[in-house]
N, C-alpha and C. Protein backbone atom coordinates (compact mmCIF):
# COMPACT_ATOMS: atom_id res chain seq x y z
N MET A 1 -23.03 -48.88 -57.03
CA MET A 1 -22.77 -49.55 -55.93
C MET A 1 -22.15 -48.76 -54.73
N THR A 2 -22.70 -48.52 -53.73
CA THR A 2 -22.85 -48.18 -52.55
C THR A 2 -20.78 -49.06 -52.16
N CYS A 3 -19.98 -48.29 -51.79
CA CYS A 3 -18.37 -49.01 -51.46
C CYS A 3 -18.07 -48.97 -49.93
N THR A 4 -19.06 -48.97 -48.97
CA THR A 4 -18.24 -48.75 -47.89
C THR A 4 -18.04 -50.00 -47.00
N PRO A 5 -16.79 -50.68 -46.40
CA PRO A 5 -16.62 -51.61 -45.72
C PRO A 5 -17.83 -52.51 -45.12
N LEU A 6 -18.54 -51.07 -44.54
CA LEU A 6 -19.99 -51.75 -43.75
C LEU A 6 -20.80 -52.49 -45.04
N HIS A 7 -21.14 -51.65 -45.98
CA HIS A 7 -22.28 -52.05 -47.17
C HIS A 7 -21.55 -54.11 -47.71
N LEU A 8 -20.75 -53.00 -47.49
CA LEU A 8 -19.95 -54.47 -48.04
C LEU A 8 -19.89 -56.04 -47.13
N ALA A 9 -20.08 -55.16 -45.99
CA ALA A 9 -20.08 -56.98 -44.89
C ALA A 9 -21.10 -57.17 -45.03
N GLU A 10 -22.08 -56.16 -44.99
CA GLU A 10 -23.88 -56.52 -45.35
C GLU A 10 -23.86 -57.53 -46.14
N GLN A 11 -23.12 -57.40 -47.27
CA GLN A 11 -23.63 -58.35 -48.62
C GLN A 11 -22.71 -59.48 -48.41
N ILE A 12 -21.99 -59.98 -47.90
CA ILE A 12 -21.14 -61.26 -47.10
C ILE A 12 -22.40 -61.86 -46.38
N ARG A 13 -23.06 -61.22 -45.10
CA ARG A 13 -23.98 -61.83 -44.09
C ARG A 13 -25.54 -62.04 -45.41
N GLU A 14 -25.56 -61.26 -46.36
CA GLU A 14 -26.67 -61.65 -47.04
C GLU A 14 -26.52 -62.46 -47.66
N LYS A 15 -25.48 -62.90 -48.02
CA LYS A 15 -25.14 -64.32 -49.23
C LYS A 15 -25.55 -65.32 -48.49
N GLY A 16 -25.14 -64.91 -46.95
CA GLY A 16 -25.30 -66.26 -46.24
C GLY A 16 -23.56 -67.07 -45.64
N PHE A 17 -22.63 -65.57 -46.11
CA PHE A 17 -21.18 -66.34 -45.44
C PHE A 17 -20.86 -65.92 -44.39
N ARG A 18 -20.32 -66.00 -43.49
CA ARG A 18 -19.58 -65.02 -42.48
C ARG A 18 -18.79 -64.37 -42.88
N LEU A 19 -18.45 -63.18 -41.88
CA LEU A 19 -18.14 -62.39 -42.10
C LEU A 19 -16.83 -62.06 -41.04
N THR A 20 -15.73 -62.34 -41.42
CA THR A 20 -14.34 -62.70 -40.80
C THR A 20 -13.43 -61.81 -40.79
N ASN A 21 -13.16 -61.96 -39.43
CA ASN A 21 -11.67 -60.57 -39.44
C ASN A 21 -10.94 -60.29 -40.11
N GLN A 22 -10.74 -61.53 -41.49
CA GLN A 22 -9.49 -61.37 -42.37
C GLN A 22 -10.32 -60.67 -43.39
N ARG A 23 -11.91 -61.00 -43.73
CA ARG A 23 -12.71 -60.12 -45.01
C ARG A 23 -12.37 -58.87 -44.14
N ILE A 24 -12.62 -58.58 -43.16
CA ILE A 24 -13.14 -57.17 -42.79
C ILE A 24 -11.66 -56.15 -42.84
N ALA A 25 -10.19 -56.82 -42.68
CA ALA A 25 -9.02 -56.50 -42.75
C ALA A 25 -8.75 -55.99 -44.71
N ILE A 26 -9.21 -57.28 -45.16
CA ILE A 26 -9.01 -57.23 -46.58
C ILE A 26 -9.83 -55.67 -47.41
N LEU A 27 -11.04 -55.46 -46.73
CA LEU A 27 -11.94 -55.11 -47.74
C LEU A 27 -11.39 -53.23 -46.89
N ASN A 28 -11.33 -53.32 -45.84
CA ASN A 28 -10.82 -51.96 -45.25
C ASN A 28 -9.73 -51.28 -46.24
N ALA A 29 -8.71 -52.68 -46.30
CA ALA A 29 -7.16 -52.11 -46.76
C ALA A 29 -7.63 -51.67 -48.58
N LEU A 30 -8.37 -52.35 -48.74
CA LEU A 30 -9.17 -52.09 -50.44
C LEU A 30 -9.68 -50.29 -50.27
N HIS A 31 -10.33 -50.36 -49.58
CA HIS A 31 -11.05 -49.26 -49.21
C HIS A 31 -10.30 -47.73 -48.85
N ALA A 32 -9.57 -48.27 -47.94
CA ALA A 32 -8.56 -47.43 -47.60
C ALA A 32 -7.62 -46.86 -48.98
N SER A 33 -7.05 -47.88 -49.77
CA SER A 33 -6.07 -47.55 -50.61
C SER A 33 -6.94 -46.37 -51.54
N GLY A 34 -8.55 -46.55 -51.85
CA GLY A 34 -9.29 -45.40 -53.06
C GLY A 34 -8.70 -46.10 -54.28
N GLY A 35 -8.24 -47.36 -54.20
CA GLY A 35 -7.88 -47.04 -55.83
C GLY A 35 -7.34 -48.94 -56.04
N HIS A 36 -6.70 -49.22 -56.77
CA HIS A 36 -6.19 -50.81 -57.23
C HIS A 36 -4.88 -51.00 -56.70
N LEU A 37 -5.05 -52.52 -56.00
CA LEU A 37 -3.59 -52.73 -54.87
C LEU A 37 -3.42 -54.43 -55.68
N ILE A 38 -2.28 -54.36 -56.00
CA ILE A 38 -2.11 -55.56 -56.04
C ILE A 38 -1.72 -56.41 -54.93
N ARG A 39 -1.75 -58.31 -55.11
CA ARG A 39 -1.93 -58.75 -53.90
C ARG A 39 -0.98 -58.69 -52.84
N THR A 40 0.24 -58.50 -53.31
CA THR A 40 1.21 -57.74 -52.89
C THR A 40 1.23 -56.70 -51.56
N GLU A 41 0.69 -55.66 -52.02
CA GLU A 41 0.67 -54.72 -51.37
C GLU A 41 -0.79 -55.08 -50.58
N ILE A 42 -1.49 -55.47 -50.75
CA ILE A 42 -2.80 -55.80 -49.83
C ILE A 42 -2.19 -56.52 -48.22
N TYR A 43 -1.17 -57.52 -49.34
CA TYR A 43 -0.80 -58.58 -47.95
C TYR A 43 0.06 -57.60 -46.95
N ASP A 44 0.73 -56.69 -47.53
CA ASP A 44 1.49 -55.58 -46.25
C ASP A 44 1.09 -54.66 -46.39
N ARG A 45 -0.68 -54.23 -46.06
CA ARG A 45 -1.03 -53.58 -45.66
C ARG A 45 -1.62 -54.13 -44.23
N VAL A 46 -1.95 -55.45 -44.31
CA VAL A 46 -2.79 -56.07 -43.54
C VAL A 46 -1.88 -57.21 -42.72
N ALA A 47 -0.21 -57.39 -43.00
CA ALA A 47 0.79 -57.57 -42.33
C ALA A 47 1.28 -57.27 -40.85
N PRO A 48 1.26 -58.06 -40.37
CA PRO A 48 1.44 -59.36 -39.95
C PRO A 48 -0.01 -60.44 -39.30
N ALA A 49 -0.91 -58.98 -39.23
CA ALA A 49 -2.38 -60.36 -38.64
C ALA A 49 -2.72 -61.22 -39.61
N LEU A 50 -2.71 -61.30 -41.23
CA LEU A 50 -2.78 -62.45 -41.71
C LEU A 50 -1.82 -62.83 -42.56
N THR A 51 -1.48 -64.13 -42.80
CA THR A 51 -0.73 -64.58 -43.56
C THR A 51 -0.69 -64.50 -44.95
N GLU A 52 -0.16 -64.85 -45.93
CA GLU A 52 -0.09 -64.05 -47.34
C GLU A 52 -1.16 -65.23 -47.99
N PRO A 53 -1.09 -66.68 -47.50
CA PRO A 53 -1.94 -67.89 -47.99
C PRO A 53 -3.32 -67.24 -47.87
N THR A 54 -3.44 -66.54 -46.46
CA THR A 54 -5.41 -66.46 -46.20
C THR A 54 -5.56 -65.25 -46.54
N VAL A 55 -4.55 -64.29 -46.89
CA VAL A 55 -5.01 -63.07 -47.84
C VAL A 55 -5.83 -63.32 -49.34
N TYR A 56 -4.72 -64.53 -50.29
CA TYR A 56 -5.07 -64.68 -51.10
C TYR A 56 -6.36 -65.45 -51.54
N ARG A 57 -6.46 -66.16 -50.54
CA ARG A 57 -8.10 -67.14 -50.46
C ARG A 57 -9.20 -66.60 -50.21
N ASN A 58 -8.70 -65.60 -49.41
CA ASN A 58 -9.93 -64.33 -49.29
C ASN A 58 -10.01 -63.74 -50.38
N LEU A 59 -9.22 -63.27 -51.01
CA LEU A 59 -9.13 -61.97 -52.28
C LEU A 59 -10.22 -62.98 -52.95
N ASP A 60 -9.53 -64.34 -53.06
CA ASP A 60 -10.65 -64.76 -54.19
C ASP A 60 -11.92 -64.92 -53.90
N PHE A 61 -11.97 -65.49 -52.33
CA PHE A 61 -13.86 -65.62 -52.37
C PHE A 61 -13.75 -64.19 -52.69
N LEU A 62 -13.74 -62.82 -52.12
CA LEU A 62 -14.31 -61.52 -52.63
C LEU A 62 -15.18 -61.57 -53.94
N VAL A 63 -13.38 -61.79 -54.92
CA VAL A 63 -14.01 -61.96 -55.94
C VAL A 63 -15.06 -62.49 -56.81
N LYS A 64 -14.98 -63.95 -56.45
CA LYS A 64 -16.01 -64.99 -56.41
C LYS A 64 -17.47 -64.54 -56.25
N ASN A 65 -17.16 -63.75 -55.48
CA ASN A 65 -18.80 -63.48 -54.80
C ASN A 65 -19.36 -61.90 -55.37
N GLY A 66 -18.21 -61.23 -55.81
CA GLY A 66 -18.39 -59.94 -56.28
C GLY A 66 -18.71 -58.74 -55.44
N LEU A 67 -17.64 -59.11 -54.56
CA LEU A 67 -17.11 -57.85 -53.61
C LEU A 67 -16.00 -57.04 -54.01
N VAL A 68 -15.62 -57.55 -55.13
CA VAL A 68 -13.57 -57.41 -55.23
C VAL A 68 -14.04 -57.71 -56.55
N ARG A 69 -13.29 -56.62 -57.34
CA ARG A 69 -12.98 -56.44 -59.15
C ARG A 69 -11.57 -57.11 -59.24
N VAL A 70 -11.42 -58.08 -60.16
CA VAL A 70 -9.81 -58.15 -60.40
C VAL A 70 -9.49 -58.06 -61.97
N THR A 71 -8.65 -56.76 -61.86
CA THR A 71 -8.56 -56.10 -63.01
C THR A 71 -7.19 -56.44 -63.84
N HIS A 72 -6.48 -57.08 -64.73
CA HIS A 72 -5.86 -57.18 -66.07
C HIS A 72 -5.34 -55.75 -66.54
N THR A 73 -4.52 -54.88 -66.01
CA THR A 73 -4.27 -53.39 -66.57
C THR A 73 -3.19 -53.53 -67.52
N GLY A 74 -2.56 -54.70 -67.80
CA GLY A 74 -1.64 -54.57 -68.61
C GLY A 74 -0.17 -54.52 -68.29
N ASN A 75 0.02 -54.51 -66.66
CA ASN A 75 1.10 -54.26 -66.20
C ASN A 75 1.72 -55.93 -66.18
N GLY A 76 1.45 -56.37 -66.23
CA GLY A 76 1.50 -58.27 -65.85
C GLY A 76 1.12 -58.38 -64.88
N GLN A 77 0.58 -58.05 -63.45
CA GLN A 77 0.20 -58.39 -62.60
C GLN A 77 -1.56 -57.86 -62.19
N LEU A 78 -2.27 -58.88 -61.79
CA LEU A 78 -4.02 -58.20 -61.41
C LEU A 78 -3.51 -57.41 -60.56
N GLU A 79 -4.51 -56.34 -60.73
CA GLU A 79 -5.06 -55.29 -59.66
C GLU A 79 -6.19 -55.50 -58.73
N TYR A 80 -6.50 -55.46 -57.62
CA TYR A 80 -7.92 -55.59 -57.43
C TYR A 80 -8.26 -54.62 -56.84
N GLU A 81 -9.72 -54.07 -56.40
CA GLU A 81 -10.61 -52.92 -56.30
C GLU A 81 -11.76 -53.18 -55.54
N LEU A 82 -12.41 -52.32 -54.76
CA LEU A 82 -13.79 -52.38 -54.55
C LEU A 82 -14.71 -52.40 -55.81
N ALA A 83 -15.52 -53.25 -55.33
CA ALA A 83 -16.38 -53.18 -56.79
C ALA A 83 -17.33 -52.33 -56.31
N ARG A 84 -17.07 -50.88 -57.04
CA ARG A 84 -18.25 -50.37 -56.91
C ARG A 84 -18.70 -50.07 -58.41
N HIS A 85 -18.31 -49.12 -58.88
CA HIS A 85 -19.61 -48.46 -60.06
C HIS A 85 -19.05 -49.16 -61.22
N PRO A 86 -19.71 -49.69 -62.28
CA PRO A 86 -19.02 -50.39 -63.33
C PRO A 86 -18.15 -49.30 -64.30
N HIS A 87 -16.97 -49.28 -64.40
CA HIS A 87 -16.26 -48.88 -65.39
C HIS A 87 -15.25 -49.92 -66.04
N HIS A 88 -14.53 -49.39 -66.90
CA HIS A 88 -13.69 -49.55 -67.94
C HIS A 88 -12.04 -48.65 -67.26
N HIS A 89 -10.94 -49.17 -67.65
CA HIS A 89 -9.91 -48.47 -68.15
C HIS A 89 -8.74 -47.94 -69.04
N LEU A 90 -8.52 -47.38 -68.57
CA LEU A 90 -7.40 -46.68 -69.80
C LEU A 90 -5.99 -46.52 -69.39
N VAL A 91 -5.19 -47.37 -69.54
CA VAL A 91 -3.72 -47.39 -69.19
C VAL A 91 -2.16 -46.56 -70.24
N CYS A 92 -1.61 -46.13 -69.72
CA CYS A 92 -0.22 -45.67 -70.91
C CYS A 92 0.08 -46.27 -70.89
N ARG A 93 0.84 -46.75 -71.77
CA ARG A 93 1.87 -47.78 -71.86
C ARG A 93 3.30 -47.26 -71.67
N THR A 94 3.32 -45.57 -71.49
CA THR A 94 4.96 -44.83 -71.40
C THR A 94 5.06 -44.68 -70.34
N CYS A 95 3.98 -44.71 -69.13
CA CYS A 95 4.04 -44.27 -68.14
C CYS A 95 3.27 -44.97 -67.06
N GLY A 96 2.56 -45.66 -67.21
CA GLY A 96 1.31 -46.68 -66.69
C GLY A 96 0.20 -45.96 -66.00
N ALA A 97 0.24 -44.68 -65.96
CA ALA A 97 -0.94 -44.27 -65.92
C ALA A 97 -1.80 -44.74 -66.44
N GLN A 98 -2.90 -44.76 -65.13
CA GLN A 98 -4.62 -45.37 -65.45
C GLN A 98 -5.88 -44.21 -65.28
N ALA A 99 -6.95 -44.12 -66.38
CA ALA A 99 -7.97 -43.93 -65.82
C ALA A 99 -8.70 -44.37 -66.15
N GLU A 100 -9.92 -44.09 -65.32
CA GLU A 100 -11.59 -44.88 -65.64
C GLU A 100 -12.09 -44.21 -66.52
N LEU A 101 -12.89 -44.88 -67.48
CA LEU A 101 -13.49 -44.89 -68.16
C LEU A 101 -15.39 -45.49 -67.99
N ALA A 102 -15.92 -44.43 -67.71
CA ALA A 102 -17.52 -44.71 -67.42
C ALA A 102 -18.00 -45.82 -68.01
N ALA A 103 -18.67 -46.63 -67.50
CA ALA A 103 -19.24 -48.20 -68.29
C ALA A 103 -20.27 -48.00 -69.39
N GLU A 104 -20.77 -46.55 -69.21
CA GLU A 104 -21.93 -46.17 -70.29
C GLU A 104 -21.31 -45.72 -71.14
N VAL A 105 -20.19 -45.28 -71.62
CA VAL A 105 -19.29 -44.78 -72.97
C VAL A 105 -19.14 -45.80 -74.20
N MET A 106 -19.01 -47.52 -73.41
CA MET A 106 -18.99 -48.63 -74.02
C MET A 106 -20.23 -49.36 -74.04
N GLN A 107 -21.05 -49.09 -73.85
CA GLN A 107 -22.56 -49.95 -73.94
C GLN A 107 -23.18 -49.61 -75.04
N THR A 108 -23.23 -48.88 -76.30
CA THR A 108 -23.56 -48.82 -77.80
C THR A 108 -22.57 -50.06 -78.02
N ILE A 109 -21.63 -50.50 -77.98
CA ILE A 109 -20.59 -51.32 -78.16
C ILE A 109 -21.00 -52.69 -78.08
N PHE A 110 -21.51 -52.54 -76.81
CA PHE A 110 -21.95 -53.98 -75.76
C PHE A 110 -22.81 -54.36 -76.69
N ASP A 111 -23.81 -53.44 -76.93
CA ASP A 111 -25.06 -53.32 -77.27
C ASP A 111 -25.18 -54.35 -78.68
N GLN A 112 -24.21 -53.67 -79.59
CA GLN A 112 -24.17 -53.88 -80.58
C GLN A 112 -23.52 -55.75 -81.07
N LEU A 113 -22.57 -56.04 -79.92
CA LEU A 113 -21.78 -57.66 -79.73
C LEU A 113 -22.71 -58.70 -79.26
N GLU A 114 -23.51 -57.55 -79.06
CA GLU A 114 -25.01 -58.71 -78.33
C GLU A 114 -26.00 -59.16 -78.95
N SER A 115 -26.37 -57.79 -80.28
CA SER A 115 -26.81 -58.11 -81.51
C SER A 115 -26.44 -59.62 -82.35
N ALA A 116 -24.55 -59.00 -82.62
CA ALA A 116 -24.08 -59.75 -83.45
C ALA A 116 -24.29 -61.24 -83.40
N THR A 117 -23.54 -61.33 -82.43
CA THR A 117 -23.21 -62.78 -81.59
C THR A 117 -24.15 -63.33 -81.13
N GLY A 118 -25.60 -62.66 -80.54
CA GLY A 118 -26.38 -63.57 -79.78
C GLY A 118 -26.30 -63.97 -78.30
N TYR A 119 -24.66 -63.55 -78.36
CA TYR A 119 -24.53 -63.13 -76.81
C TYR A 119 -25.47 -62.80 -75.55
N ARG A 120 -25.71 -63.05 -74.20
CA ARG A 120 -25.69 -62.11 -73.54
C ARG A 120 -24.93 -61.45 -72.65
N LEU A 121 -24.25 -60.52 -72.58
CA LEU A 121 -23.11 -59.90 -71.61
C LEU A 121 -24.02 -60.11 -70.35
N THR A 122 -22.82 -61.21 -69.72
CA THR A 122 -22.93 -60.82 -68.13
C THR A 122 -22.31 -60.03 -66.97
N GLU A 123 -20.78 -59.81 -67.78
CA GLU A 123 -20.08 -59.24 -67.09
C GLU A 123 -19.25 -58.51 -68.20
N ASN A 124 -18.30 -57.96 -68.09
CA ASN A 124 -17.67 -57.12 -69.14
C ASN A 124 -16.45 -56.09 -68.15
N HIS A 125 -15.08 -56.38 -68.42
CA HIS A 125 -14.60 -55.16 -68.69
C HIS A 125 -13.64 -55.15 -69.22
N ILE A 126 -13.05 -53.83 -69.70
CA ILE A 126 -11.83 -53.72 -70.68
C ILE A 126 -11.01 -53.32 -70.62
N THR A 127 -9.62 -52.91 -70.81
CA THR A 127 -8.60 -52.11 -70.45
C THR A 127 -7.81 -52.11 -71.90
N LEU A 128 -8.10 -50.49 -72.29
CA LEU A 128 -7.30 -49.92 -73.43
C LEU A 128 -5.78 -49.39 -73.00
N THR A 129 -5.12 -49.50 -74.13
CA THR A 129 -3.79 -49.13 -73.82
C THR A 129 -3.46 -47.99 -75.21
N GLY A 130 -3.19 -47.13 -73.99
CA GLY A 130 -2.76 -45.74 -75.81
C GLY A 130 -1.50 -45.07 -74.81
N ILE A 131 -1.49 -44.12 -75.31
CA ILE A 131 -0.51 -43.05 -74.63
C ILE A 131 -0.84 -41.87 -73.90
N CYS A 132 -1.08 -41.55 -72.72
CA CYS A 132 -1.74 -40.19 -72.14
C CYS A 132 -1.40 -39.30 -72.48
N PRO A 133 -2.32 -37.80 -71.98
CA PRO A 133 -1.89 -36.90 -72.49
C PRO A 133 -0.80 -36.05 -72.25
N ASN A 134 -0.07 -36.47 -70.76
CA ASN A 134 1.67 -36.17 -70.42
C ASN A 134 2.28 -37.14 -71.19
N CYS A 135 2.10 -38.02 -71.91
CA CYS A 135 3.44 -38.09 -72.47
C CYS A 135 3.04 -38.51 -73.79
N LYS A 136 2.07 -38.07 -74.49
CA LYS A 136 1.69 -37.69 -76.12
C LYS A 136 2.76 -36.66 -76.62
N PRO A 137 3.39 -35.47 -75.89
CA PRO A 137 3.99 -34.55 -76.64
C PRO A 137 5.83 -35.16 -76.12
N ARG A 138 5.78 -35.89 -75.77
CA ARG A 138 7.09 -36.68 -75.60
C ARG A 138 7.47 -37.59 -76.71
N GLY A 139 5.66 -37.86 -76.98
CA GLY A 139 6.14 -38.93 -78.58
C GLY A 139 6.01 -39.98 -77.77
N GLY A 140 5.54 -40.68 -76.75
CA GLY A 140 5.44 -41.96 -76.04
C GLY A 140 5.21 -42.65 -76.84
């Protein structure tokens, strides 16, 4: 999926919603980060132009409409990122480092789950926790 703020703005309009300055500011903050941000980090990047409740309300809207993905990566906080290519996460339990895992790597498992359960998966995200290569030598 193309992931520029301009492309995402077009998607908001195509869905019949208004493209507000608040939504643009949040999309730009996420795009500029190049990765994951927690709610307070997003707020810090758009304040004082936006209030905290406005940021949270618009984040919920963007997640609900598939433009932003929310992830629980095991650090106790939800992290937000632009909804670009599907992927999963690997998180180091020692240092908190994160790595992306291409969605294709897990596809065989998802196919087996659908076959075994009769469910049709419409959405999926997996966060796997382990010890990263940098921490392994230390016995992390």
